Amino acid sequence: MLVEEATSRFFDEYLKRGSKAYRREKFSRLSEFLNWVETEKKVKSLGQIGTKHIIDFWRSHRDYSDNTKHKYWLAIKDLWDFLDFAGVPPKPLLSVELLDKEKKRAIVQESFEKTFTDFGAALRESMRLNRIELMMLSNSTGIEPRIIG
């Protein structure tokens, strides 16, 4: 139903630019997105699509390459503009950003697994994880570096 509504409103008016191959690709991407939103999120109208739906779409399609995600985002952005929604739709996390998140999670998990009996060791580990230098901590707390370190 969403695809039919989009076909009558959006595709007939808005997608008359670019090559036929490009328009076909954009149509198939938007059709897949709209079918997903309709089946998974039970959205009945184009006006009901919101940022939460797009974020959930990105989460369920994390396996796409960065290039493919960007092409989907461009298609969704065109629909977003056509529907006169404010701003831009949420962008997908790229592989590099996902890797950074995974590394941060691993570091946090590693630090939670450690138990410290010495306050100084715990403080030094926290400084290492948060990349805080001894002098910065000393200046911000007012404690002498020899006591901290």
C-alpha atoms as a PDB file:
ATOM      1  CA  MET A   1       0.000   0.000   0.000  1.00  0.00           C
ATOM      2  CA  LEU A   2       2.820   2.430   0.810  1.00  0.00           C
ATOM      3  CA  VAL A   3       4.543   1.606  -2.454  1.00  0.00           C
ATOM      4  CA  GLU A   4       1.331   2.291  -4.386  1.00  0.00           C
ATOM      5  CA  GLU A   5       0.845   5.612  -2.574  1.00  0.00           C
ATOM      6  CA  ALA A   6       4.456   6.577  -3.220  1.00  0.00           C
ATOM      7  CA  THR A   7       4.176   5.519  -6.853  1.00  0.00           C
ATOM      8  CA  SER A   8       1.169   7.705  -7.450  1.00  0.00           C
ATOM      9  CA  ARG A   9       2.470  10.720  -5.531  1.00  0.00           C
ATOM     10  CA  PHE A  10       6.249  10.669  -5.449  1.00  0.00           C
ATOM     11  CA  PHE A  11       7.582   8.592  -8.300  1.00  0.00           C
ATOM     12  CA  ASP A  12       5.318  10.084 -10.943  1.00  0.00           C
ATOM     13  CA  GLU A  13       6.220  13.669 -10.050  1.00  0.00           C
ATOM     14  CA  TYR A  14       9.634  13.681  -8.450  1.00  0.00           C
ATOM     15  CA  LEU A  15      11.688  10.989 -10.136  1.00  0.00           C
ATOM     16  CA  LYS A  16      11.810  12.440 -13.615  1.00  0.00           C
ATOM     17  CA  ARG A  17      15.475  13.431 -13.390  1.00  0.00           C
ATOM     18  CA  GLY A  18      18.549  11.369 -14.158  1.00  0.00           C
ATOM     19  CA  SER A  19      19.065   8.321 -16.284  1.00  0.00           C
ATOM     20  CA  LYS A  20      16.566   5.490 -16.526  1.00  0.00           C
ATOM     21  CA  ALA A  21      18.965   3.115 -14.775  1.00  0.00           C
ATOM     22  CA  TYR A  22      19.400   5.558 -11.879  1.00  0.00           C
ATOM     23  CA  ARG A  23      15.637   6.034 -11.556  1.00  0.00           C
ATOM     24  CA  ARG A  24      15.104   2.264 -11.571  1.00  0.00           C
ATOM     25  CA  GLU A  25      17.703   1.808  -8.812  1.00  0.00           C
ATOM     26  CA  LYS A  26      16.183   4.589  -6.726  1.00  0.00           C
ATOM     27  CA  PHE A  27      12.693   3.155  -7.245  1.00  0.00           C
ATOM     28  CA  SER A  28      13.805  -0.322  -6.143  1.00  0.00           C
ATOM     29  CA  ARG A  29      15.581   1.047  -3.050  1.00  0.00           C
ATOM     30  CA  LEU A  30      12.597   3.133  -2.009  1.00  0.00           C
ATOM     31  CA  SER A  31      10.240   0.249  -2.724  1.00  0.00           C
ATOM     32  CA  GLU A  32      12.309  -2.023  -0.486  1.00  0.00           C
ATOM     33  CA  PHE A  33      12.414   0.615   2.262  1.00  0.00           C
ATOM     34  CA  LEU A  34       8.663   1.267   2.046  1.00  0.00           C
ATOM     35  CA  ASN A  35       7.826  -2.444   1.997  1.00  0.00           C
ATOM     36  CA  TRP A  36      10.029  -2.960   5.049  1.00  0.00           C
ATOM     37  CA  VAL A  37       8.394  -0.061   6.916  1.00  0.00           C
ATOM     38  CA  GLU A  38       4.936  -1.319   6.012  1.00  0.00           C
ATOM     39  CA  THR A  39       5.536  -4.941   6.999  1.00  0.00           C
ATOM     40  CA  GLU A  40       7.826  -4.499  10.007  1.00  0.00           C
ATOM     41  CA  LYS A  41       6.505  -1.264  11.499  1.00  0.00           C
ATOM     42  CA  LYS A  42       2.876  -1.444  10.328  1.00  0.00           C
ATOM     43  CA  VAL A  43       2.943   2.072   8.843  1.00  0.00           C
ATOM     44  CA  LYS A  44      -0.124   2.766   6.691  1.00  0.00           C
ATOM     45  CA  SER A  45       0.662   6.192   5.199  1.00  0.00           C
ATOM     46  CA  LEU A  46       3.740   8.030   3.930  1.00  0.00           C
ATOM     47  CA  GLY A  47       3.121  10.824   6.430  1.00  0.00           C
ATOM     48  CA  GLN A  48       3.552   8.394   9.323  1.00  0.00           C
ATOM     49  CA  ILE A  49       7.156   7.596   8.441  1.00  0.00           C
ATOM     50  CA  GLY A  50       9.509   9.130  10.987  1.00  0.00           C
ATOM     51  CA  THR A  51      13.119   9.109  12.089  1.00  0.00           C
ATOM     52  CA  LYS A  52      12.563   6.081  14.350  1.00  0.00           C
ATOM     53  CA  HIS A  53      11.486   4.000  11.340  1.00  0.00           C
ATOM     54  CA  ILE A  54      14.575   5.018   9.396  1.00  0.00           C
ATOM     55  CA  ILE A  55      16.892   4.275  12.318  1.00  0.00           C
ATOM     56  CA  ASP A  56      15.274   0.853  12.734  1.00  0.00           C
ATOM     57  CA  PHE A  57      15.739   0.265   8.998  1.00  0.00           C
ATOM     58  CA  TRP A  58      19.468   1.006   9.335  1.00  0.00           C
ATOM     59  CA  ARG A  59      19.732  -1.302  12.344  1.00  0.00           C
ATOM     60  CA  SER A  60      18.100  -4.176  10.516  1.00  0.00           C
ATOM     61  CA  HIS A  61      20.271  -3.662   7.413  1.00  0.00           C
ATOM     62  CA  ARG A  62      23.704  -3.298   9.024  1.00  0.00           C
ATOM     63  CA  ASP A  63      25.137  -5.877   6.659  1.00  0.00           C
ATOM     64  CA  TYR A  64      24.875  -3.504   3.675  1.00  0.00           C
ATOM     65  CA  SER A  65      28.092  -1.951   2.430  1.00  0.00           C
ATOM     66  CA  ASP A  66      28.753   1.703   3.180  1.00  0.00           C
ATOM     67  CA  ASN A  67      28.193   2.584  -0.475  1.00  0.00           C
ATOM     68  CA  THR A  68      24.821   0.824  -0.538  1.00  0.00           C
ATOM     69  CA  LYS A  69      23.756   2.476   2.722  1.00  0.00           C
ATOM     70  CA  HIS A  70      24.613   5.862   1.256  1.00  0.00           C
ATOM     71  CA  LYS A  71      22.568   5.158  -1.885  1.00  0.00           C
ATOM     72  CA  TYR A  72      19.591   4.135   0.250  1.00  0.00           C
ATOM     73  CA  TRP A  73      20.010   7.295   2.302  1.00  0.00           C
ATOM     74  CA  LEU A  74      19.972   9.452  -0.842  1.00  0.00           C
ATOM     75  CA  ALA A  75      16.742   7.801  -1.979  1.00  0.00           C
ATOM     76  CA  ILE A  76      15.156   8.198   1.467  1.00  0.00           C
ATOM     77  CA  LYS A  77      16.323  11.821   1.563  1.00  0.00           C
ATOM     78  CA  ASP A  78      14.540  12.543  -1.732  1.00  0.00           C
ATOM     79  CA  LEU A  79      11.336  11.069  -0.311  1.00  0.00           C
ATOM     80  CA  TRP A  80      11.871  13.080   2.893  1.00  0.00           C
ATOM     81  CA  ASP A  81      12.246  16.305   0.892  1.00  0.00           C
ATOM     82  CA  PHE A  82       9.195  15.523  -1.223  1.00  0.00           C
ATOM     83  CA  LEU A  83       7.077  14.971   1.878  1.00  0.00           C
ATOM     84  CA  ASP A  84       8.264  18.348   3.265  1.00  0.00           C
ATOM     85  CA  PHE A  85       9.634  16.918   6.490  1.00  0.00           C
ATOM     86  CA  ALA A  86      11.985  19.213   8.409  1.00  0.00           C
ATOM     87  CA  GLY A  87      15.740  18.645   8.322  1.00  0.00           C
ATOM     88  CA  VAL A  88      17.294  15.541   6.882  1.00  0.00           C
ATOM     89  CA  PRO A  89      16.597  11.882   7.622  1.00  0.00           C
ATOM     90  CA  PRO A  90      19.004  10.065   9.965  1.00  0.00           C
ATOM     91  CA  LYS A  91      22.143   8.822   8.271  1.00  0.00           C
ATOM     92  CA  PRO A  92      23.288   5.233   8.725  1.00  0.00           C
ATOM     93  CA  LEU A  93      26.342   4.408  10.793  1.00  0.00           C
ATOM     94  CA  LEU A  94      29.198   3.540   8.486  1.00  0.00           C
ATOM     95  CA  SER A  95      31.424   0.511   9.060  1.00  0.00           C
ATOM     96  CA  VAL A  96      34.199   2.641  10.568  1.00  0.00           C
ATOM     97  CA  GLU A  97      31.784   4.163  13.093  1.00  0.00           C
ATOM     98  CA  LEU A  98      30.437   0.725  13.975  1.00  0.00           C
ATOM     99  CA  LEU A  99      33.986  -0.569  14.525  1.00  0.00           C
ATOM    100  CA  ASP A 100      34.757   2.409  16.774  1.00  0.00           C
ATOM    101  CA  LYS A 101      31.628   1.668  18.818  1.00  0.00           C
ATOM    102  CA  GLU A 102      32.648  -1.989  19.139  1.00  0.00           C
ATOM    103  CA  LYS A 103      36.161  -1.021  20.267  1.00  0.00           C
ATOM    104  CA  LYS A 104      34.757   1.371  22.876  1.00  0.00           C
ATOM    105  CA  ARG A 105      32.398  -1.331  24.142  1.00  0.00           C
ATOM    106  CA  ALA A 106      35.286  -3.785  24.420  1.00  0.00           C
ATOM    107  CA  ILE A 107      37.374  -1.272  26.384  1.00  0.00           C
ATOM    108  CA  VAL A 108      34.500  -0.502  28.743  1.00  0.00           C
ATOM    109  CA  GLN A 109      33.785  -4.195  29.208  1.00  0.00           C
ATOM    110  CA  GLU A 110      37.468  -4.838  29.895  1.00  0.00           C
ATOM    111  CA  SER A 111      37.564  -2.086  32.516  1.00  0.00           C
ATOM    112  CA  PHE A 112      34.435  -3.436  34.234  1.00  0.00           C
ATOM    113  CA  GLU A 113      35.989  -6.870  34.491  1.00  0.00           C
ATOM    114  CA  LYS A 114      38.974  -5.496  36.399  1.00  0.00           C
ATOM    115  CA  THR A 115      38.707  -5.023  40.120  1.00  0.00           C
ATOM    116  CA  PHE A 116      41.120  -2.765  41.931  1.00  0.00           C
ATOM    117  CA  THR A 117      42.187  -2.967  45.542  1.00  0.00           C
ATOM    118  CA  ASP A 118      44.342   0.131  45.238  1.00  0.00           C
ATOM    119  CA  PHE A 119      42.653   3.483  44.563  1.00  0.00           C
ATOM    120  CA  GLY A 120      45.733   4.755  42.727  1.00  0.00           C
ATOM    121  CA  ALA A 121      45.677   1.814  40.292  1.00  0.00           C
ATOM    122  CA  ALA A 122      41.997   2.402  39.596  1.00  0.00           C
ATOM    123  CA  LEU A 123      42.642   6.086  39.015  1.00  0.00           C
ATOM    124  CA  ARG A 124      45.562   5.407  36.657  1.00  0.00           C
ATOM    125  CA  GLU A 125      43.463   2.900  34.672  1.00  0.00           C
ATOM    126  CA  SER A 126      40.637   5.421  34.381  1.00  0.00           C
ATOM    127  CA  MET A 127      43.114   8.061  33.223  1.00  0.00           C
ATOM    128  CA  ARG A 128      44.483   5.647  30.614  1.00  0.00           C
ATOM    129  CA  LEU A 129      41.023   4.745  29.293  1.00  0.00           C
ATOM    130  CA  ASN A 130      39.855   8.353  29.149  1.00  0.00           C
ATOM    131  CA  ARG A 131      43.207   9.640  27.856  1.00  0.00           C
ATOM    132  CA  ILE A 132      43.627  12.108  30.704  1.00  0.00           C
ATOM    133  CA  GLU A 133      47.160  13.222  31.465  1.00  0.00           C
ATOM    134  CA  LEU A 134      48.445  13.398  35.018  1.00  0.00           C
ATOM    135  CA  MET A 135      48.899  17.185  34.947  1.00  0.00           C
ATOM    136  CA  MET A 136      45.386  17.719  33.555  1.00  0.00           C
ATOM    137  CA  LEU A 137      43.911  15.701  36.406  1.00  0.00           C
ATOM    138  CA  SER A 138      46.110  17.456  38.921  1.00  0.00           C
ATOM    139  CA  ASN A 139      45.101  20.899  37.641  1.00  0.00           C
ATOM    140  CA  SER A 140      41.387  20.086  37.573  1.00  0.00           C
ATOM    141  CA  THR A 141      41.271  18.466  41.032  1.00  0.00           C
ATOM    142  CA  GLY A 142      43.873  20.564  42.849  1.00  0.00           C
ATOM    143  CA  ILE A 143      45.686  17.429  44.041  1.00  0.00           C
ATOM    144  CA  GLU A 144      49.438  17.326  43.609  1.00  0.00           C
ATOM    145  CA  PRO A 145      50.722  15.007  40.870  1.00  0.00           C
ATOM    146  CA  ARG A 146      52.980  13.061  43.271  1.00  0.00           C
ATOM    147  CA  ILE A 147      49.917  12.100  45.353  1.00  0.00           C
ATOM    148  CA  ILE A 148      47.914  10.985  42.285  1.00  0.00           C
ATOM    149  CA  GLY A 149      50.674   9.202  40.456  1.00  0.00           C
END
